[in-house]
Amino acid sequence: MGKDSVFVIFNNASRVFYPGQIVEGNVQLTVVESLKMREIRLTFTGDANVRWTESRSTKNGTVTVVYSNHENYFNTTVPLLQKQANQSDDIILPKGVYNYPFKFQLPLNIPSSYEAVIGRVRYAVVVTVDKPWAFDLVTMGPFTVVSLLDLNKLPNVAYGGTIADEKTLCCLCCKSGPIRATLTTDRLGYVPGEAIKFRAEISNLSNRQMECSKAQLVMKVQYHARRKTRTIMNVLATLKRPPIPAGETDVWDGYKLHVPSVPPSFLLGCKIIDIHYYVMIIVDPSGPSFDLNVPMEVTIGSIPLLTVAQMYGIPSTENVYGVVGHGMLPPSEHFPDNVPKPVMAESVMGGVNVNAEDPNAESSHNFAPVYTYYNWEKPDPNVTFQIVKEEA
């Protein structure tokens, strides 16, 4: 014999929405025999949460310190089925399948969805079947909110940038010459699916060999708890070159770093999670010395620069991990007419169990948000990436 079940079914099968849009769908309740209940209620939730723990040693032993913060965007509960005003007995539903439509308008100026272990921005429809003298029947229908960041409205991102730095190596009483690195990008604004073209020059004026040099695209995430901030550096793409002998110069020319499916820069609208992206040149000296790091911040947007978009056609859906597709995009007036519409691709960060926080949830539910993705250039097979496994 089966058991009673409840599901959230969205009219928009992609479950992707923009701020200000209307979320519509149905709650489908399947009753196997008969079901006694007080009510069925629906809660629309949107919030951000940050939480991690750290252990400290004290004279009395080890203590665990919890760091957390929370930001609420909306929390609205409406009844789908409830007793009449003059009804004293509980509701009894006979065997069958029941559908209850719902509709909710999202607020404006809410941040994009984001999911990680330490922090998240999450939007969901939560259904609760309130049963007397028994565990409630609870299910969650998470959905993605994509808050668009238009690169055309940001200053200076259409122009290239150059940054340089140097480091003098010291070994005991012997001082060596410096190592210098210069990094140049063709511009400072990109969208997921694009390739970042860059040039770098590394001069090894020291008397030591450099073990290697690396170019990386890094996603810096800062989680702001009430008493502390924690920073996680996720390496989204890495290229590596061979050793640089003493006195020689190495030039990176014609190289590209591919931008995967990631949330837009800044995570605008959220005050407790910050996201920034950097192209970084790293020079690793041999021996006991710190690396030379030369970072340049770039902006990852949702709508590409018009000058760039005009060079490409309609983005392809081939070879994109977790692609949702053109037809599943919600209608929006936010995209300029002369910009090809993106596909929606699953976050490179992967998914999480969104029901882990609710002990009454029926089952685990892995969910990964999706973001705008312009499949204009295929990733270089020589590029590697490493997402840090966060620990709460």
Protein backbone atom coordinates (compact mmCIF):
# COMPACT_ATOMS: atom_id res chain seq x y z
CA MET A 1 0.00 0.00 0.00
CA GLY A 2 1.30 3.44 -0.89
CA LYS A 3 1.20 6.49 1.30
CA ASP A 4 -0.28 9.94 1.01
CA SER A 5 1.88 12.39 -0.93
CA VAL A 6 1.93 16.05 -1.83
CA PHE A 7 3.82 17.82 -4.63
CA VAL A 8 4.33 21.38 -5.86
CA ILE A 9 3.89 21.68 -9.64
CA PHE A 10 4.89 24.99 -11.26
CA ASN A 11 3.19 26.22 -14.44
CA ASN A 12 6.64 27.34 -15.57
CA ALA A 13 8.37 23.95 -15.73
CA SER A 14 11.85 25.48 -15.58
CA ARG A 15 11.06 27.02 -12.15
CA VAL A 16 13.00 30.13 -13.17
CA PHE A 17 11.60 33.58 -12.40
CA TYR A 18 12.70 37.21 -12.37
CA PRO A 19 12.00 39.69 -9.55
CA GLY A 20 8.49 41.08 -9.90
CA GLN A 21 7.14 38.11 -11.84
CA ILE A 22 4.18 35.97 -10.78
CA VAL A 23 4.84 32.42 -9.56
CA GLU A 24 1.91 30.17 -10.48
CA GLY A 25 1.24 26.48 -10.10
CA ASN A 26 -0.71 23.74 -8.36
CA VAL A 27 -0.38 21.75 -5.18
CA GLN A 28 -1.21 18.12 -5.95
CA LEU A 29 -2.30 16.00 -2.98
CA THR A 30 -2.76 12.25 -3.41
CA VAL A 31 -4.82 10.52 -0.70
CA VAL A 32 -4.45 6.72 -0.66
CA GLU A 33 -7.41 5.88 1.63
CA SER A 34 -8.73 8.83 3.62
CA LEU A 35 -6.89 11.70 5.24
CA LYS A 36 -7.87 13.59 8.39
CA MET A 37 -6.44 17.10 8.69
CA ARG A 38 -6.88 20.51 10.24
CA GLU A 39 -5.87 22.45 7.13
CA ILE A 40 -3.59 22.70 4.12
CA ARG A 41 -1.48 25.86 4.08
CA LEU A 42 0.99 27.26 1.62
CA THR A 43 4.00 29.42 2.54
CA PHE A 44 5.98 31.47 0.03
CA THR A 45 9.48 32.04 1.40
CA GLY A 46 12.50 34.00 0.27
CA ASP A 47 15.48 34.53 2.54
CA ALA A 48 19.25 34.43 2.94
CA ASN A 49 21.01 32.47 5.63
CA VAL A 50 24.63 32.22 6.79
CA ARG A 51 25.83 29.69 9.35
CA TRP A 52 29.04 27.90 10.32
CA THR A 53 30.72 26.63 13.46
CA GLU A 54 34.27 26.89 14.80
CA SER A 55 35.91 24.98 17.64
CA ARG A 56 37.96 26.73 20.33
CA SER A 57 40.12 25.33 23.06
CA THR A 58 39.59 26.69 26.57
CA LYS A 59 40.91 25.70 29.98
CA ASN A 60 37.70 23.73 30.45
CA GLY A 61 37.97 21.89 27.14
CA THR A 62 36.80 22.48 23.58
CA VAL A 63 33.78 24.65 22.88
CA THR A 64 31.88 25.11 19.63
CA VAL A 65 31.06 28.66 18.55
CA VAL A 66 28.21 29.25 16.10
CA TYR A 67 28.37 32.18 13.67
CA SER A 68 25.17 33.04 11.84
CA ASN A 69 23.07 35.71 10.18
CA HIS A 70 19.72 35.88 8.44
CA GLU A 71 17.97 38.18 5.97
CA ASN A 72 14.29 37.88 5.09
CA TYR A 73 12.82 39.00 1.75
CA PHE A 74 9.29 37.64 2.10
CA ASN A 75 7.36 35.06 4.12
CA THR A 76 3.68 34.82 3.25
CA THR A 77 1.33 32.04 4.37
CA VAL A 78 -2.08 31.43 2.80
CA PRO A 79 -4.64 28.66 3.46
CA LEU A 80 -5.44 26.27 0.62
CA LEU A 81 -8.04 24.25 2.52
CA GLN A 82 -9.39 25.00 5.99
CA LYS A 83 -12.42 24.41 8.18
CA GLN A 84 -15.45 26.64 7.85
CA ALA A 85 -16.05 29.19 10.61
CA ASN A 86 -18.83 27.09 12.16
CA GLN A 87 -17.07 23.74 11.64
CA SER A 88 -15.69 22.03 14.76
CA ASP A 89 -14.64 18.67 13.34
CA ASP A 90 -11.44 18.15 11.39
CA ILE A 91 -11.52 17.87 7.61
CA ILE A 92 -11.61 14.34 6.16
CA LEU A 93 -10.62 13.90 2.53
CA PRO A 94 -11.61 10.61 0.88
CA LYS A 95 -9.32 8.67 -1.44
CA GLY A 96 -8.40 10.62 -4.57
CA VAL A 97 -6.13 13.20 -6.20
CA TYR A 98 -6.72 16.87 -5.32
CA ASN A 99 -5.31 19.95 -7.03
CA TYR A 100 -5.13 23.40 -5.44
CA PRO A 101 -3.96 26.32 -7.64
CA PHE A 102 -1.74 29.08 -6.26
CA LYS A 103 -0.39 32.43 -7.41
CA PHE A 104 2.19 34.76 -5.83
CA GLN A 105 3.95 37.87 -7.10
CA LEU A 106 7.64 38.17 -6.29
CA PRO A 107 8.89 41.47 -4.86
CA LEU A 108 11.25 43.66 -6.85
CA ASN A 109 14.94 44.10 -5.94
CA ILE A 110 15.48 40.62 -4.50
CA PRO A 111 18.83 38.86 -5.05
CA SER A 112 19.59 35.92 -7.29
CA SER A 113 19.33 32.42 -5.87
CA TYR A 114 22.54 31.00 -4.41
CA GLU A 115 23.22 27.66 -2.75
CA ALA A 116 26.27 26.59 -0.75
CA VAL A 117 26.91 24.84 2.54
CA ILE A 118 27.83 27.92 4.59
CA GLY A 119 25.32 30.31 3.08
CA ARG A 120 22.44 30.48 0.64
CA VAL A 121 19.74 32.65 -0.89
CA ARG A 122 16.70 30.42 -1.30
CA TYR A 123 13.18 30.79 -2.65
CA ALA A 124 10.53 28.12 -2.19
CA VAL A 125 6.89 27.20 -1.96
CA VAL A 126 6.31 25.11 1.18
CA VAL A 127 3.15 23.01 1.56
CA THR A 128 2.03 21.79 5.00
CA VAL A 129 -0.80 19.32 5.49
CA ASP A 130 -1.60 19.86 9.18
CA LYS A 131 -2.64 16.49 10.63
CA PRO A 132 -3.97 16.11 14.22
CA TRP A 133 -2.01 13.78 16.51
CA ALA A 134 0.43 12.87 13.73
CA PHE A 135 3.43 14.25 11.89
CA ASP A 136 2.45 16.88 9.36
CA LEU A 137 2.88 16.15 5.67
CA VAL A 138 5.40 18.73 4.42
CA THR A 139 7.01 19.29 1.05
CA MET A 140 9.11 22.07 -0.44
CA GLY A 141 9.12 23.29 -4.03
CA PRO A 142 12.29 25.36 -4.50
CA PHE A 143 12.63 27.66 -7.49
CA THR A 144 15.29 29.92 -8.97
CA VAL A 145 15.19 33.71 -8.99
CA VAL A 146 17.50 35.33 -11.53
CA SER A 147 18.22 38.97 -10.77
CA LEU A 148 19.71 40.37 -13.97
CA LEU A 149 22.94 42.37 -13.93
CA ASP A 150 23.25 44.34 -17.18
CA LEU A 151 26.88 44.99 -18.09
CA ASN A 152 25.80 47.82 -20.41
CA LYS A 153 24.71 49.85 -17.38
CA LEU A 154 28.03 49.54 -15.53
CA PRO A 155 30.88 52.01 -16.06
CA ASN A 156 34.25 50.95 -17.50
CA VAL A 157 33.56 47.19 -17.85
CA ALA A 158 33.77 47.44 -21.66
CA TYR A 159 37.40 48.53 -21.45
CA GLY A 160 40.51 46.49 -20.82
CA GLY A 161 42.65 46.68 -17.72
CA THR A 162 46.27 46.22 -16.73
CA ILE A 163 47.76 45.50 -13.33
CA ALA A 164 51.32 44.71 -12.25
CA ASP A 165 53.19 43.76 -9.11
CA GLU A 166 56.57 42.46 -8.03
CA LYS A 167 58.16 40.60 -5.17
CA THR A 168 61.75 40.46 -3.94
CA LEU A 169 62.92 37.04 -2.83
CA CYS A 170 65.11 36.72 0.24
CA CYS A 171 66.94 33.61 1.38
CA LEU A 172 68.61 33.94 4.79
CA CYS A 173 71.25 36.66 4.36
CA CYS A 174 71.24 36.53 0.57
CA LYS A 175 69.00 38.99 -1.22
CA SER A 176 67.84 38.09 -4.71
CA GLY A 177 66.39 40.20 -7.52
CA PRO A 178 62.63 40.65 -7.92
CA ILE A 179 60.05 38.67 -9.83
CA ARG A 180 57.57 40.81 -11.75
CA ALA A 181 54.22 40.00 -13.29
CA THR A 182 51.95 42.08 -15.49
CA LEU A 183 48.38 41.03 -16.33
CA THR A 184 46.20 42.54 -19.07
CA THR A 185 42.61 41.62 -20.00
CA ASP A 186 40.71 42.65 -23.13
CA ARG A 187 37.87 44.04 -20.95
CA LEU A 188 36.49 43.90 -17.41
CA GLY A 189 32.92 42.65 -17.98
CA TYR A 190 31.83 39.16 -19.04
CA VAL A 191 28.87 36.79 -18.86
CA PRO A 192 28.80 33.03 -18.12
CA GLY A 193 29.73 31.11 -21.26
CA GLU A 194 32.25 33.70 -22.45
CA ALA A 195 36.01 33.29 -22.48
CA ILE A 196 38.22 35.86 -20.78
CA LYS A 197 41.12 36.72 -23.08
CA PHE A 198 44.22 37.83 -21.23
CA ARG A 199 47.94 38.45 -21.63
CA ALA A 200 50.57 38.11 -18.93
CA GLU A 201 54.31 38.71 -18.75
CA ILE A 202 56.43 37.30 -15.94
CA SER A 203 60.04 38.46 -15.53
CA ASN A 204 62.21 36.33 -13.27
CA LEU A 205 65.03 38.69 -12.28
CA SER A 206 65.94 36.55 -9.28
CA ASN A 207 68.69 33.96 -9.02
CA ARG A 208 66.13 31.18 -8.49
CA GLN A 209 63.96 29.16 -10.81
CA MET A 210 60.22 29.71 -10.62
CA GLU A 211 58.50 26.34 -10.22
CA CYS A 212 55.52 27.36 -12.34
CA SER A 213 53.06 30.12 -13.11
CA LYS A 214 49.28 29.79 -13.11
CA ALA A 215 46.36 31.79 -14.43
CA GLN A 216 43.10 31.39 -12.54
CA LEU A 217 39.53 32.62 -12.53
CA VAL A 218 38.56 32.86 -8.87
CA MET A 219 35.18 33.35 -7.22
CA LYS A 220 35.56 35.07 -3.84
CA VAL A 221 32.56 34.58 -1.55
CA GLN A 222 32.28 36.43 1.76
CA TYR A 223 29.75 35.28 4.34
CA HIS A 224 28.94 37.98 6.89
CA ALA A 225 27.81 36.61 10.25
CA ARG A 226 26.91 39.00 13.06
CA ARG A 227 30.33 38.79 14.70
CA LYS A 228 32.63 37.52 11.97
CA THR A 229 33.16 37.27 8.20
CA ARG A 230 34.32 34.09 6.52
CA THR A 231 35.89 34.09 3.05
CA ILE A 232 35.89 31.17 0.61
CA MET A 233 37.97 31.23 -2.59
CA ASN A 234 36.58 28.96 -5.32
CA VAL A 235 38.87 28.32 -8.29
CA LEU A 236 36.63 28.23 -11.36
CA ALA A 237 39.35 27.75 -14.00
CA THR A 238 43.12 27.16 -13.96
CA LEU A 239 45.84 27.17 -16.61
CA LYS A 240 49.44 26.26 -15.79
CA ARG A 241 52.78 26.91 -17.49
CA PRO A 242 56.20 25.29 -16.95
CA PRO A 243 59.10 26.55 -14.79
CA ILE A 244 60.79 29.89 -15.50
CA PRO A 245 64.60 29.75 -15.20
CA ALA A 246 66.48 32.50 -13.36
CA GLY A 247 66.94 35.61 -15.47
CA GLU A 248 64.30 34.69 -18.06
CA THR A 249 60.87 36.06 -19.01
CA ASP A 250 57.75 34.04 -19.76
CA VAL A 251 54.85 35.45 -21.78
CA TRP A 252 51.26 34.23 -21.74
CA ASP A 253 49.66 35.20 -25.04
CA GLY A 254 46.46 33.97 -26.68
CA TYR A 255 45.18 32.23 -23.56
CA LYS A 256 41.56 32.17 -22.36
CA LEU A 257 39.73 31.37 -19.13
CA HIS A 258 36.17 30.13 -19.58
CA VAL A 259 33.40 31.54 -17.33
CA PRO A 260 31.11 28.70 -16.13
CA SER A 261 27.51 28.99 -14.92
CA VAL A 262 27.82 31.18 -11.81
CA PRO A 263 25.73 33.86 -10.07
CA PRO A 264 26.27 37.50 -11.10
CA SER A 265 28.84 39.63 -9.31
CA PHE A 266 27.98 41.26 -5.99
CA LEU A 267 24.75 39.26 -5.39
CA LEU A 268 22.92 42.59 -5.35
CA GLY A 269 20.06 42.79 -2.88
CA CYS A 270 21.77 40.52 -0.34
CA LYS A 271 23.68 42.16 2.52
CA ILE A 272 25.10 39.03 4.17
CA ILE A 273 26.71 37.30 1.16
CA ASP A 274 29.15 39.06 -1.18
CA ILE A 275 30.48 37.62 -4.45
CA HIS A 276 33.43 38.97 -6.46
CA TYR A 277 35.42 37.48 -9.34
CA TYR A 278 39.12 37.81 -10.15
CA VAL A 279 41.49 36.86 -12.93
CA MET A 280 44.73 36.06 -11.15
CA ILE A 281 48.33 35.38 -12.13
CA ILE A 282 50.22 33.31 -9.56
CA VAL A 283 54.00 32.82 -9.64
CA ASP A 284 55.35 30.00 -7.48
CA PRO A 285 59.05 30.41 -6.54
CA SER A 286 61.18 27.43 -5.64
CA GLY A 287 62.33 27.27 -2.04
CA PRO A 288 60.87 28.89 1.09
CA SER A 289 59.09 31.92 -0.38
CA PHE A 290 55.50 33.07 -0.69
CA ASP A 291 53.82 33.16 -4.10
CA LEU A 292 53.46 36.36 -6.07
CA ASN A 293 49.74 36.93 -6.65
CA VAL A 294 48.50 39.52 -9.15
CA PRO A 295 44.66 39.74 -9.06
CA MET A 296 42.43 41.79 -11.33
CA GLU A 297 38.73 42.07 -10.50
CA VAL A 298 36.29 41.37 -13.33
CA THR A 299 32.50 41.69 -13.31
CA ILE A 300 30.33 38.71 -14.25
CA GLY A 301 26.92 39.88 -15.44
CA SER A 302 23.70 38.38 -16.78
CA ILE A 303 23.24 40.56 -19.88
CA PRO A 304 26.32 40.87 -22.13
CA LEU A 305 27.80 44.01 -23.60
CA LEU A 306 25.96 44.89 -26.82
CA THR A 307 29.24 45.24 -28.70
CA VAL A 308 30.12 41.67 -27.75
CA ALA A 309 26.67 40.17 -28.31
CA GLN A 310 26.58 41.47 -31.88
CA MET A 311 29.59 39.30 -32.73
CA TYR A 312 27.73 36.09 -31.85
CA GLY A 313 24.54 34.38 -32.94
CA ILE A 314 21.94 32.61 -30.81
CA PRO A 315 23.70 30.64 -28.04
CA SER A 316 23.83 26.89 -28.55
CA THR A 317 22.55 24.39 -25.97
CA GLU A 318 25.15 21.78 -26.86
CA ASN A 319 27.66 20.60 -24.24
CA VAL A 320 26.26 22.80 -21.47
CA TYR A 321 25.99 21.04 -18.11
CA GLY A 322 22.51 21.18 -16.62
CA VAL A 323 21.05 23.26 -19.44
CA VAL A 324 17.38 24.20 -19.18
CA GLY A 325 17.06 25.59 -22.72
CA HIS A 326 15.63 28.58 -24.59
CA GLY A 327 12.01 27.48 -24.46
CA MET A 328 12.03 27.30 -20.67
CA LEU A 329 13.04 30.93 -20.14
CA PRO A 330 10.34 33.00 -18.48
CA PRO A 331 9.16 35.94 -20.58
CA SER A 332 10.98 39.14 -19.70
CA GLU A 333 11.23 42.67 -20.96
CA HIS A 334 14.66 42.97 -19.34
CA PHE A 335 16.62 41.61 -22.32
CA PRO A 336 17.37 44.15 -25.06
CA ASP A 337 15.93 43.19 -28.45
CA ASN A 338 19.37 43.05 -30.06
CA VAL A 339 20.86 40.69 -27.46
CA PRO A 340 20.56 36.94 -28.10
CA LYS A 341 18.58 35.27 -25.33
CA PRO A 342 20.67 32.96 -23.12
CA VAL A 343 20.03 29.42 -22.11
CA MET A 344 19.73 28.62 -18.41
CA ALA A 345 22.42 26.30 -17.02
CA GLU A 346 22.77 24.64 -13.65
CA SER A 347 25.21 26.25 -11.22
CA VAL A 348 28.76 24.93 -11.42
CA MET A 349 28.65 24.87 -7.60
CA GLY A 350 26.20 21.96 -7.74
CA GLY A 351 23.14 21.33 -5.62
CA VAL A 352 22.26 20.85 -1.96
CA ASN A 353 19.58 18.99 -0.03
CA VAL A 354 17.04 21.74 0.58
CA ASN A 355 14.95 19.58 2.92
CA ALA A 356 17.83 18.91 5.32
CA GLU A 357 16.70 21.79 7.57
CA ASP A 358 13.14 20.44 7.98
CA PRO A 359 12.75 17.25 10.05
CA ASN A 360 9.14 16.84 8.87
CA ALA A 361 10.00 16.88 5.17
CA GLU A 362 8.93 13.75 3.32
CA SER A 363 12.24 13.09 1.56
CA SER A 364 15.53 14.61 0.51
CA HIS A 365 15.33 17.08 -2.36
CA ASN A 366 18.52 18.06 -4.18
CA PHE A 367 18.24 21.45 -5.80
CA ALA A 368 20.72 23.53 -7.79
CA PRO A 369 19.88 27.05 -9.00
CA VAL A 370 20.37 27.94 -12.65
CA TYR A 371 21.86 31.07 -14.19
CA THR A 372 21.95 32.78 -17.57
CA TYR A 373 24.51 31.15 -19.85
CA TYR A 374 25.70 32.18 -23.32
CA ASN A 375 27.21 29.13 -24.98
CA TRP A 376 29.37 31.10 -27.39
CA GLU A 377 32.74 29.45 -26.85
CA LYS A 378 33.67 25.91 -25.85
CA PRO A 379 35.84 25.57 -22.73
CA ASP A 380 39.52 24.74 -23.20
CA PRO A 381 40.01 21.04 -22.27
CA ASN A 382 43.32 21.98 -20.62
CA VAL A 383 41.55 24.22 -18.11
CA THR A 384 40.86 22.67 -14.70
CA PHE A 385 38.65 23.93 -11.89
CA GLN A 386 38.30 23.28 -8.18
CA ILE A 387 35.26 24.19 -6.11
CA VAL A 388 36.10 24.34 -2.41
CA LYS A 389 34.02 21.94 -0.33
CA GLU A 390 32.61 24.23 2.31
CA GLU A 391 32.21 22.94 5.84
CA ALA A 392 29.57 24.46 8.07
